[in-house]
Amino acid sequence: MDAVQRVGSYLQVQDEEGCRHLLRVTAVQALSDTDPLRNETFITAAGRTIRVPQSLDAIVGLIAPGERLMAEGEPPDTVWPF
């Protein structure tokens, strides 16, 4: 089982200790890599930070389906007008 799964408008998150958390997708405030290996992620929601053994890239797809992170060195699709 993946550490993070989308369940309707919620994310079911299982932390490293096996505790499960159900977070509303809109409550997620931040996602951060935990280390240079990029195989774990900190999820911050409602002022609480949860460490999960799943990559940030995999979690972004659950929060915003159809969206993806830019690869390093990849030019942006659009340029900001300001």
C-alpha atoms as a PDB file:
ATOM      1  CA  MET A   1       0.000   0.000   0.000  1.00  0.00           C
ATOM      2  CA  ASP A   2       1.182   3.512  -0.769  1.00  0.00           C
ATOM      3  CA  ALA A   3       1.669   5.790   2.225  1.00  0.00           C
ATOM      4  CA  VAL A   4      -0.686   8.381   0.698  1.00  0.00           C
ATOM      5  CA  GLN A   5      -3.909   7.622  -1.176  1.00  0.00           C
ATOM      6  CA  ARG A   6      -6.677   9.868  -2.485  1.00  0.00           C
ATOM      7  CA  VAL A   7     -10.134   9.069  -1.069  1.00  0.00           C
ATOM      8  CA  GLY A   8     -12.633  11.495  -2.605  1.00  0.00           C
ATOM      9  CA  SER A   9     -11.742  14.974  -1.365  1.00  0.00           C
ATOM     10  CA  TYR A  10      -9.428  13.554   1.318  1.00  0.00           C
ATOM     11  CA  LEU A  11      -5.907  12.166   1.507  1.00  0.00           C
ATOM     12  CA  GLN A  12      -5.438   9.039   3.579  1.00  0.00           C
ATOM     13  CA  VAL A  13      -1.907   9.314   4.961  1.00  0.00           C
ATOM     14  CA  GLN A  14      -0.029   6.606   6.828  1.00  0.00           C
ATOM     15  CA  ASP A  15       3.043   7.886   8.652  1.00  0.00           C
ATOM     16  CA  GLU A  16       6.258   5.979   9.380  1.00  0.00           C
ATOM     17  CA  GLU A  17       4.868   4.669  12.674  1.00  0.00           C
ATOM     18  CA  GLY A  18       1.800   3.190  10.980  1.00  0.00           C
ATOM     19  CA  CYS A  19      -0.678   5.796  12.271  1.00  0.00           C
ATOM     20  CA  ARG A  20      -3.311   6.801   9.729  1.00  0.00           C
ATOM     21  CA  HIS A  21      -4.466  10.365   9.137  1.00  0.00           C
ATOM     22  CA  LEU A  22      -7.335  11.581   6.962  1.00  0.00           C
ATOM     23  CA  LEU A  23      -6.664  15.083   5.616  1.00  0.00           C
ATOM     24  CA  ARG A  24      -8.899  17.241   3.473  1.00  0.00           C
ATOM     25  CA  VAL A  25      -6.948  17.942   0.275  1.00  0.00           C
ATOM     26  CA  THR A  26      -7.556  21.682   0.629  1.00  0.00           C
ATOM     27  CA  ALA A  27      -6.010  21.611   4.130  1.00  0.00           C
ATOM     28  CA  VAL A  28      -2.566  20.677   2.801  1.00  0.00           C
ATOM     29  CA  GLN A  29      -0.357  23.728   3.298  1.00  0.00           C
ATOM     30  CA  ALA A  30       3.018  22.419   2.147  1.00  0.00           C
ATOM     31  CA  LEU A  31       4.923  19.435   0.787  1.00  0.00           C
ATOM     32  CA  SER A  32       8.679  19.139   1.324  1.00  0.00           C
ATOM     33  CA  ASP A  33      11.353  16.563   0.496  1.00  0.00           C
ATOM     34  CA  THR A  34      12.867  15.151   3.672  1.00  0.00           C
ATOM     35  CA  ASP A  35      16.327  14.550   2.189  1.00  0.00           C
ATOM     36  CA  PRO A  36      18.338  14.613  -1.071  1.00  0.00           C
ATOM     37  CA  LEU A  37      17.201  11.066  -1.954  1.00  0.00           C
ATOM     38  CA  ARG A  38      13.658  12.411  -2.473  1.00  0.00           C
ATOM     39  CA  ASN A  39      12.016   9.204  -1.323  1.00  0.00           C
ATOM     40  CA  GLU A  40      10.180  10.652   1.682  1.00  0.00           C
ATOM     41  CA  THR A  41       8.015  13.725   2.106  1.00  0.00           C
ATOM     42  CA  PHE A  42       6.869  16.033   4.880  1.00  0.00           C
ATOM     43  CA  ILE A  43       3.173  16.914   4.538  1.00  0.00           C
ATOM     44  CA  THR A  44       2.059  19.969   6.496  1.00  0.00           C
ATOM     45  CA  ALA A  45      -1.673  20.322   7.076  1.00  0.00           C
ATOM     46  CA  ALA A  46      -3.571  22.257   9.717  1.00  0.00           C
ATOM     47  CA  GLY A  47      -0.305  23.225  11.404  1.00  0.00           C
ATOM     48  CA  ARG A  48       0.850  19.632  11.819  1.00  0.00           C
ATOM     49  CA  THR A  49       3.725  18.020   9.900  1.00  0.00           C
ATOM     50  CA  ILE A  50       3.607  14.330   8.986  1.00  0.00           C
ATOM     51  CA  ARG A  51       6.559  12.386   7.552  1.00  0.00           C
ATOM     52  CA  VAL A  52       5.571   9.784   4.961  1.00  0.00           C
ATOM     53  CA  PRO A  53       7.718   7.241   3.064  1.00  0.00           C
ATOM     54  CA  GLN A  54       6.523   8.315  -0.405  1.00  0.00           C
ATOM     55  CA  SER A  55       8.038  10.726  -2.913  1.00  0.00           C
ATOM     56  CA  LEU A  56       6.809  14.285  -3.252  1.00  0.00           C
ATOM     57  CA  ASP A  57       6.281  13.712  -7.002  1.00  0.00           C
ATOM     58  CA  ALA A  58       3.820  10.883  -6.320  1.00  0.00           C
ATOM     59  CA  ILE A  59       1.883  12.945  -3.769  1.00  0.00           C
ATOM     60  CA  VAL A  60       1.528  16.023  -6.028  1.00  0.00           C
ATOM     61  CA  GLY A  61      -0.400  13.871  -8.501  1.00  0.00           C
ATOM     62  CA  LEU A  62      -2.881  12.957  -5.750  1.00  0.00           C
ATOM     63  CA  ILE A  63      -3.422  16.523  -4.563  1.00  0.00           C
ATOM     64  CA  ALA A  64      -3.672  18.104  -8.023  1.00  0.00           C
ATOM     65  CA  PRO A  65      -4.517  15.413 -10.613  1.00  0.00           C
ATOM     66  CA  GLY A  66      -3.069  16.206 -14.028  1.00  0.00           C
ATOM     67  CA  GLU A  67      -0.406  18.505 -12.584  1.00  0.00           C
ATOM     68  CA  ARG A  68       3.268  17.644 -12.272  1.00  0.00           C
ATOM     69  CA  LEU A  69       6.462  19.171 -10.968  1.00  0.00           C
ATOM     70  CA  MET A  70       8.983  20.533 -13.459  1.00  0.00           C
ATOM     71  CA  ALA A  71      12.138  18.480 -13.848  1.00  0.00           C
ATOM     72  CA  GLU A  72      15.397  20.166 -12.914  1.00  0.00           C
ATOM     73  CA  GLY A  73      16.611  22.345 -15.772  1.00  0.00           C
ATOM     74  CA  GLU A  74      13.274  22.160 -17.592  1.00  0.00           C
ATOM     75  CA  PRO A  75      12.067  25.560 -18.841  1.00  0.00           C
ATOM     76  CA  PRO A  76       8.637  26.671 -17.595  1.00  0.00           C
ATOM     77  CA  ASP A  77       5.682  26.298 -19.996  1.00  0.00           C
ATOM     78  CA  THR A  78       4.614  29.892 -19.543  1.00  0.00           C
ATOM     79  CA  VAL A  79       6.441  33.024 -18.536  1.00  0.00           C
ATOM     80  CA  TRP A  80       4.968  35.258 -15.871  1.00  0.00           C
ATOM     81  CA  PRO A  81       4.102  38.663 -17.348  1.00  0.00           C
ATOM     82  CA  PHE A  82       5.654  40.527 -14.416  1.00  0.00           C
END
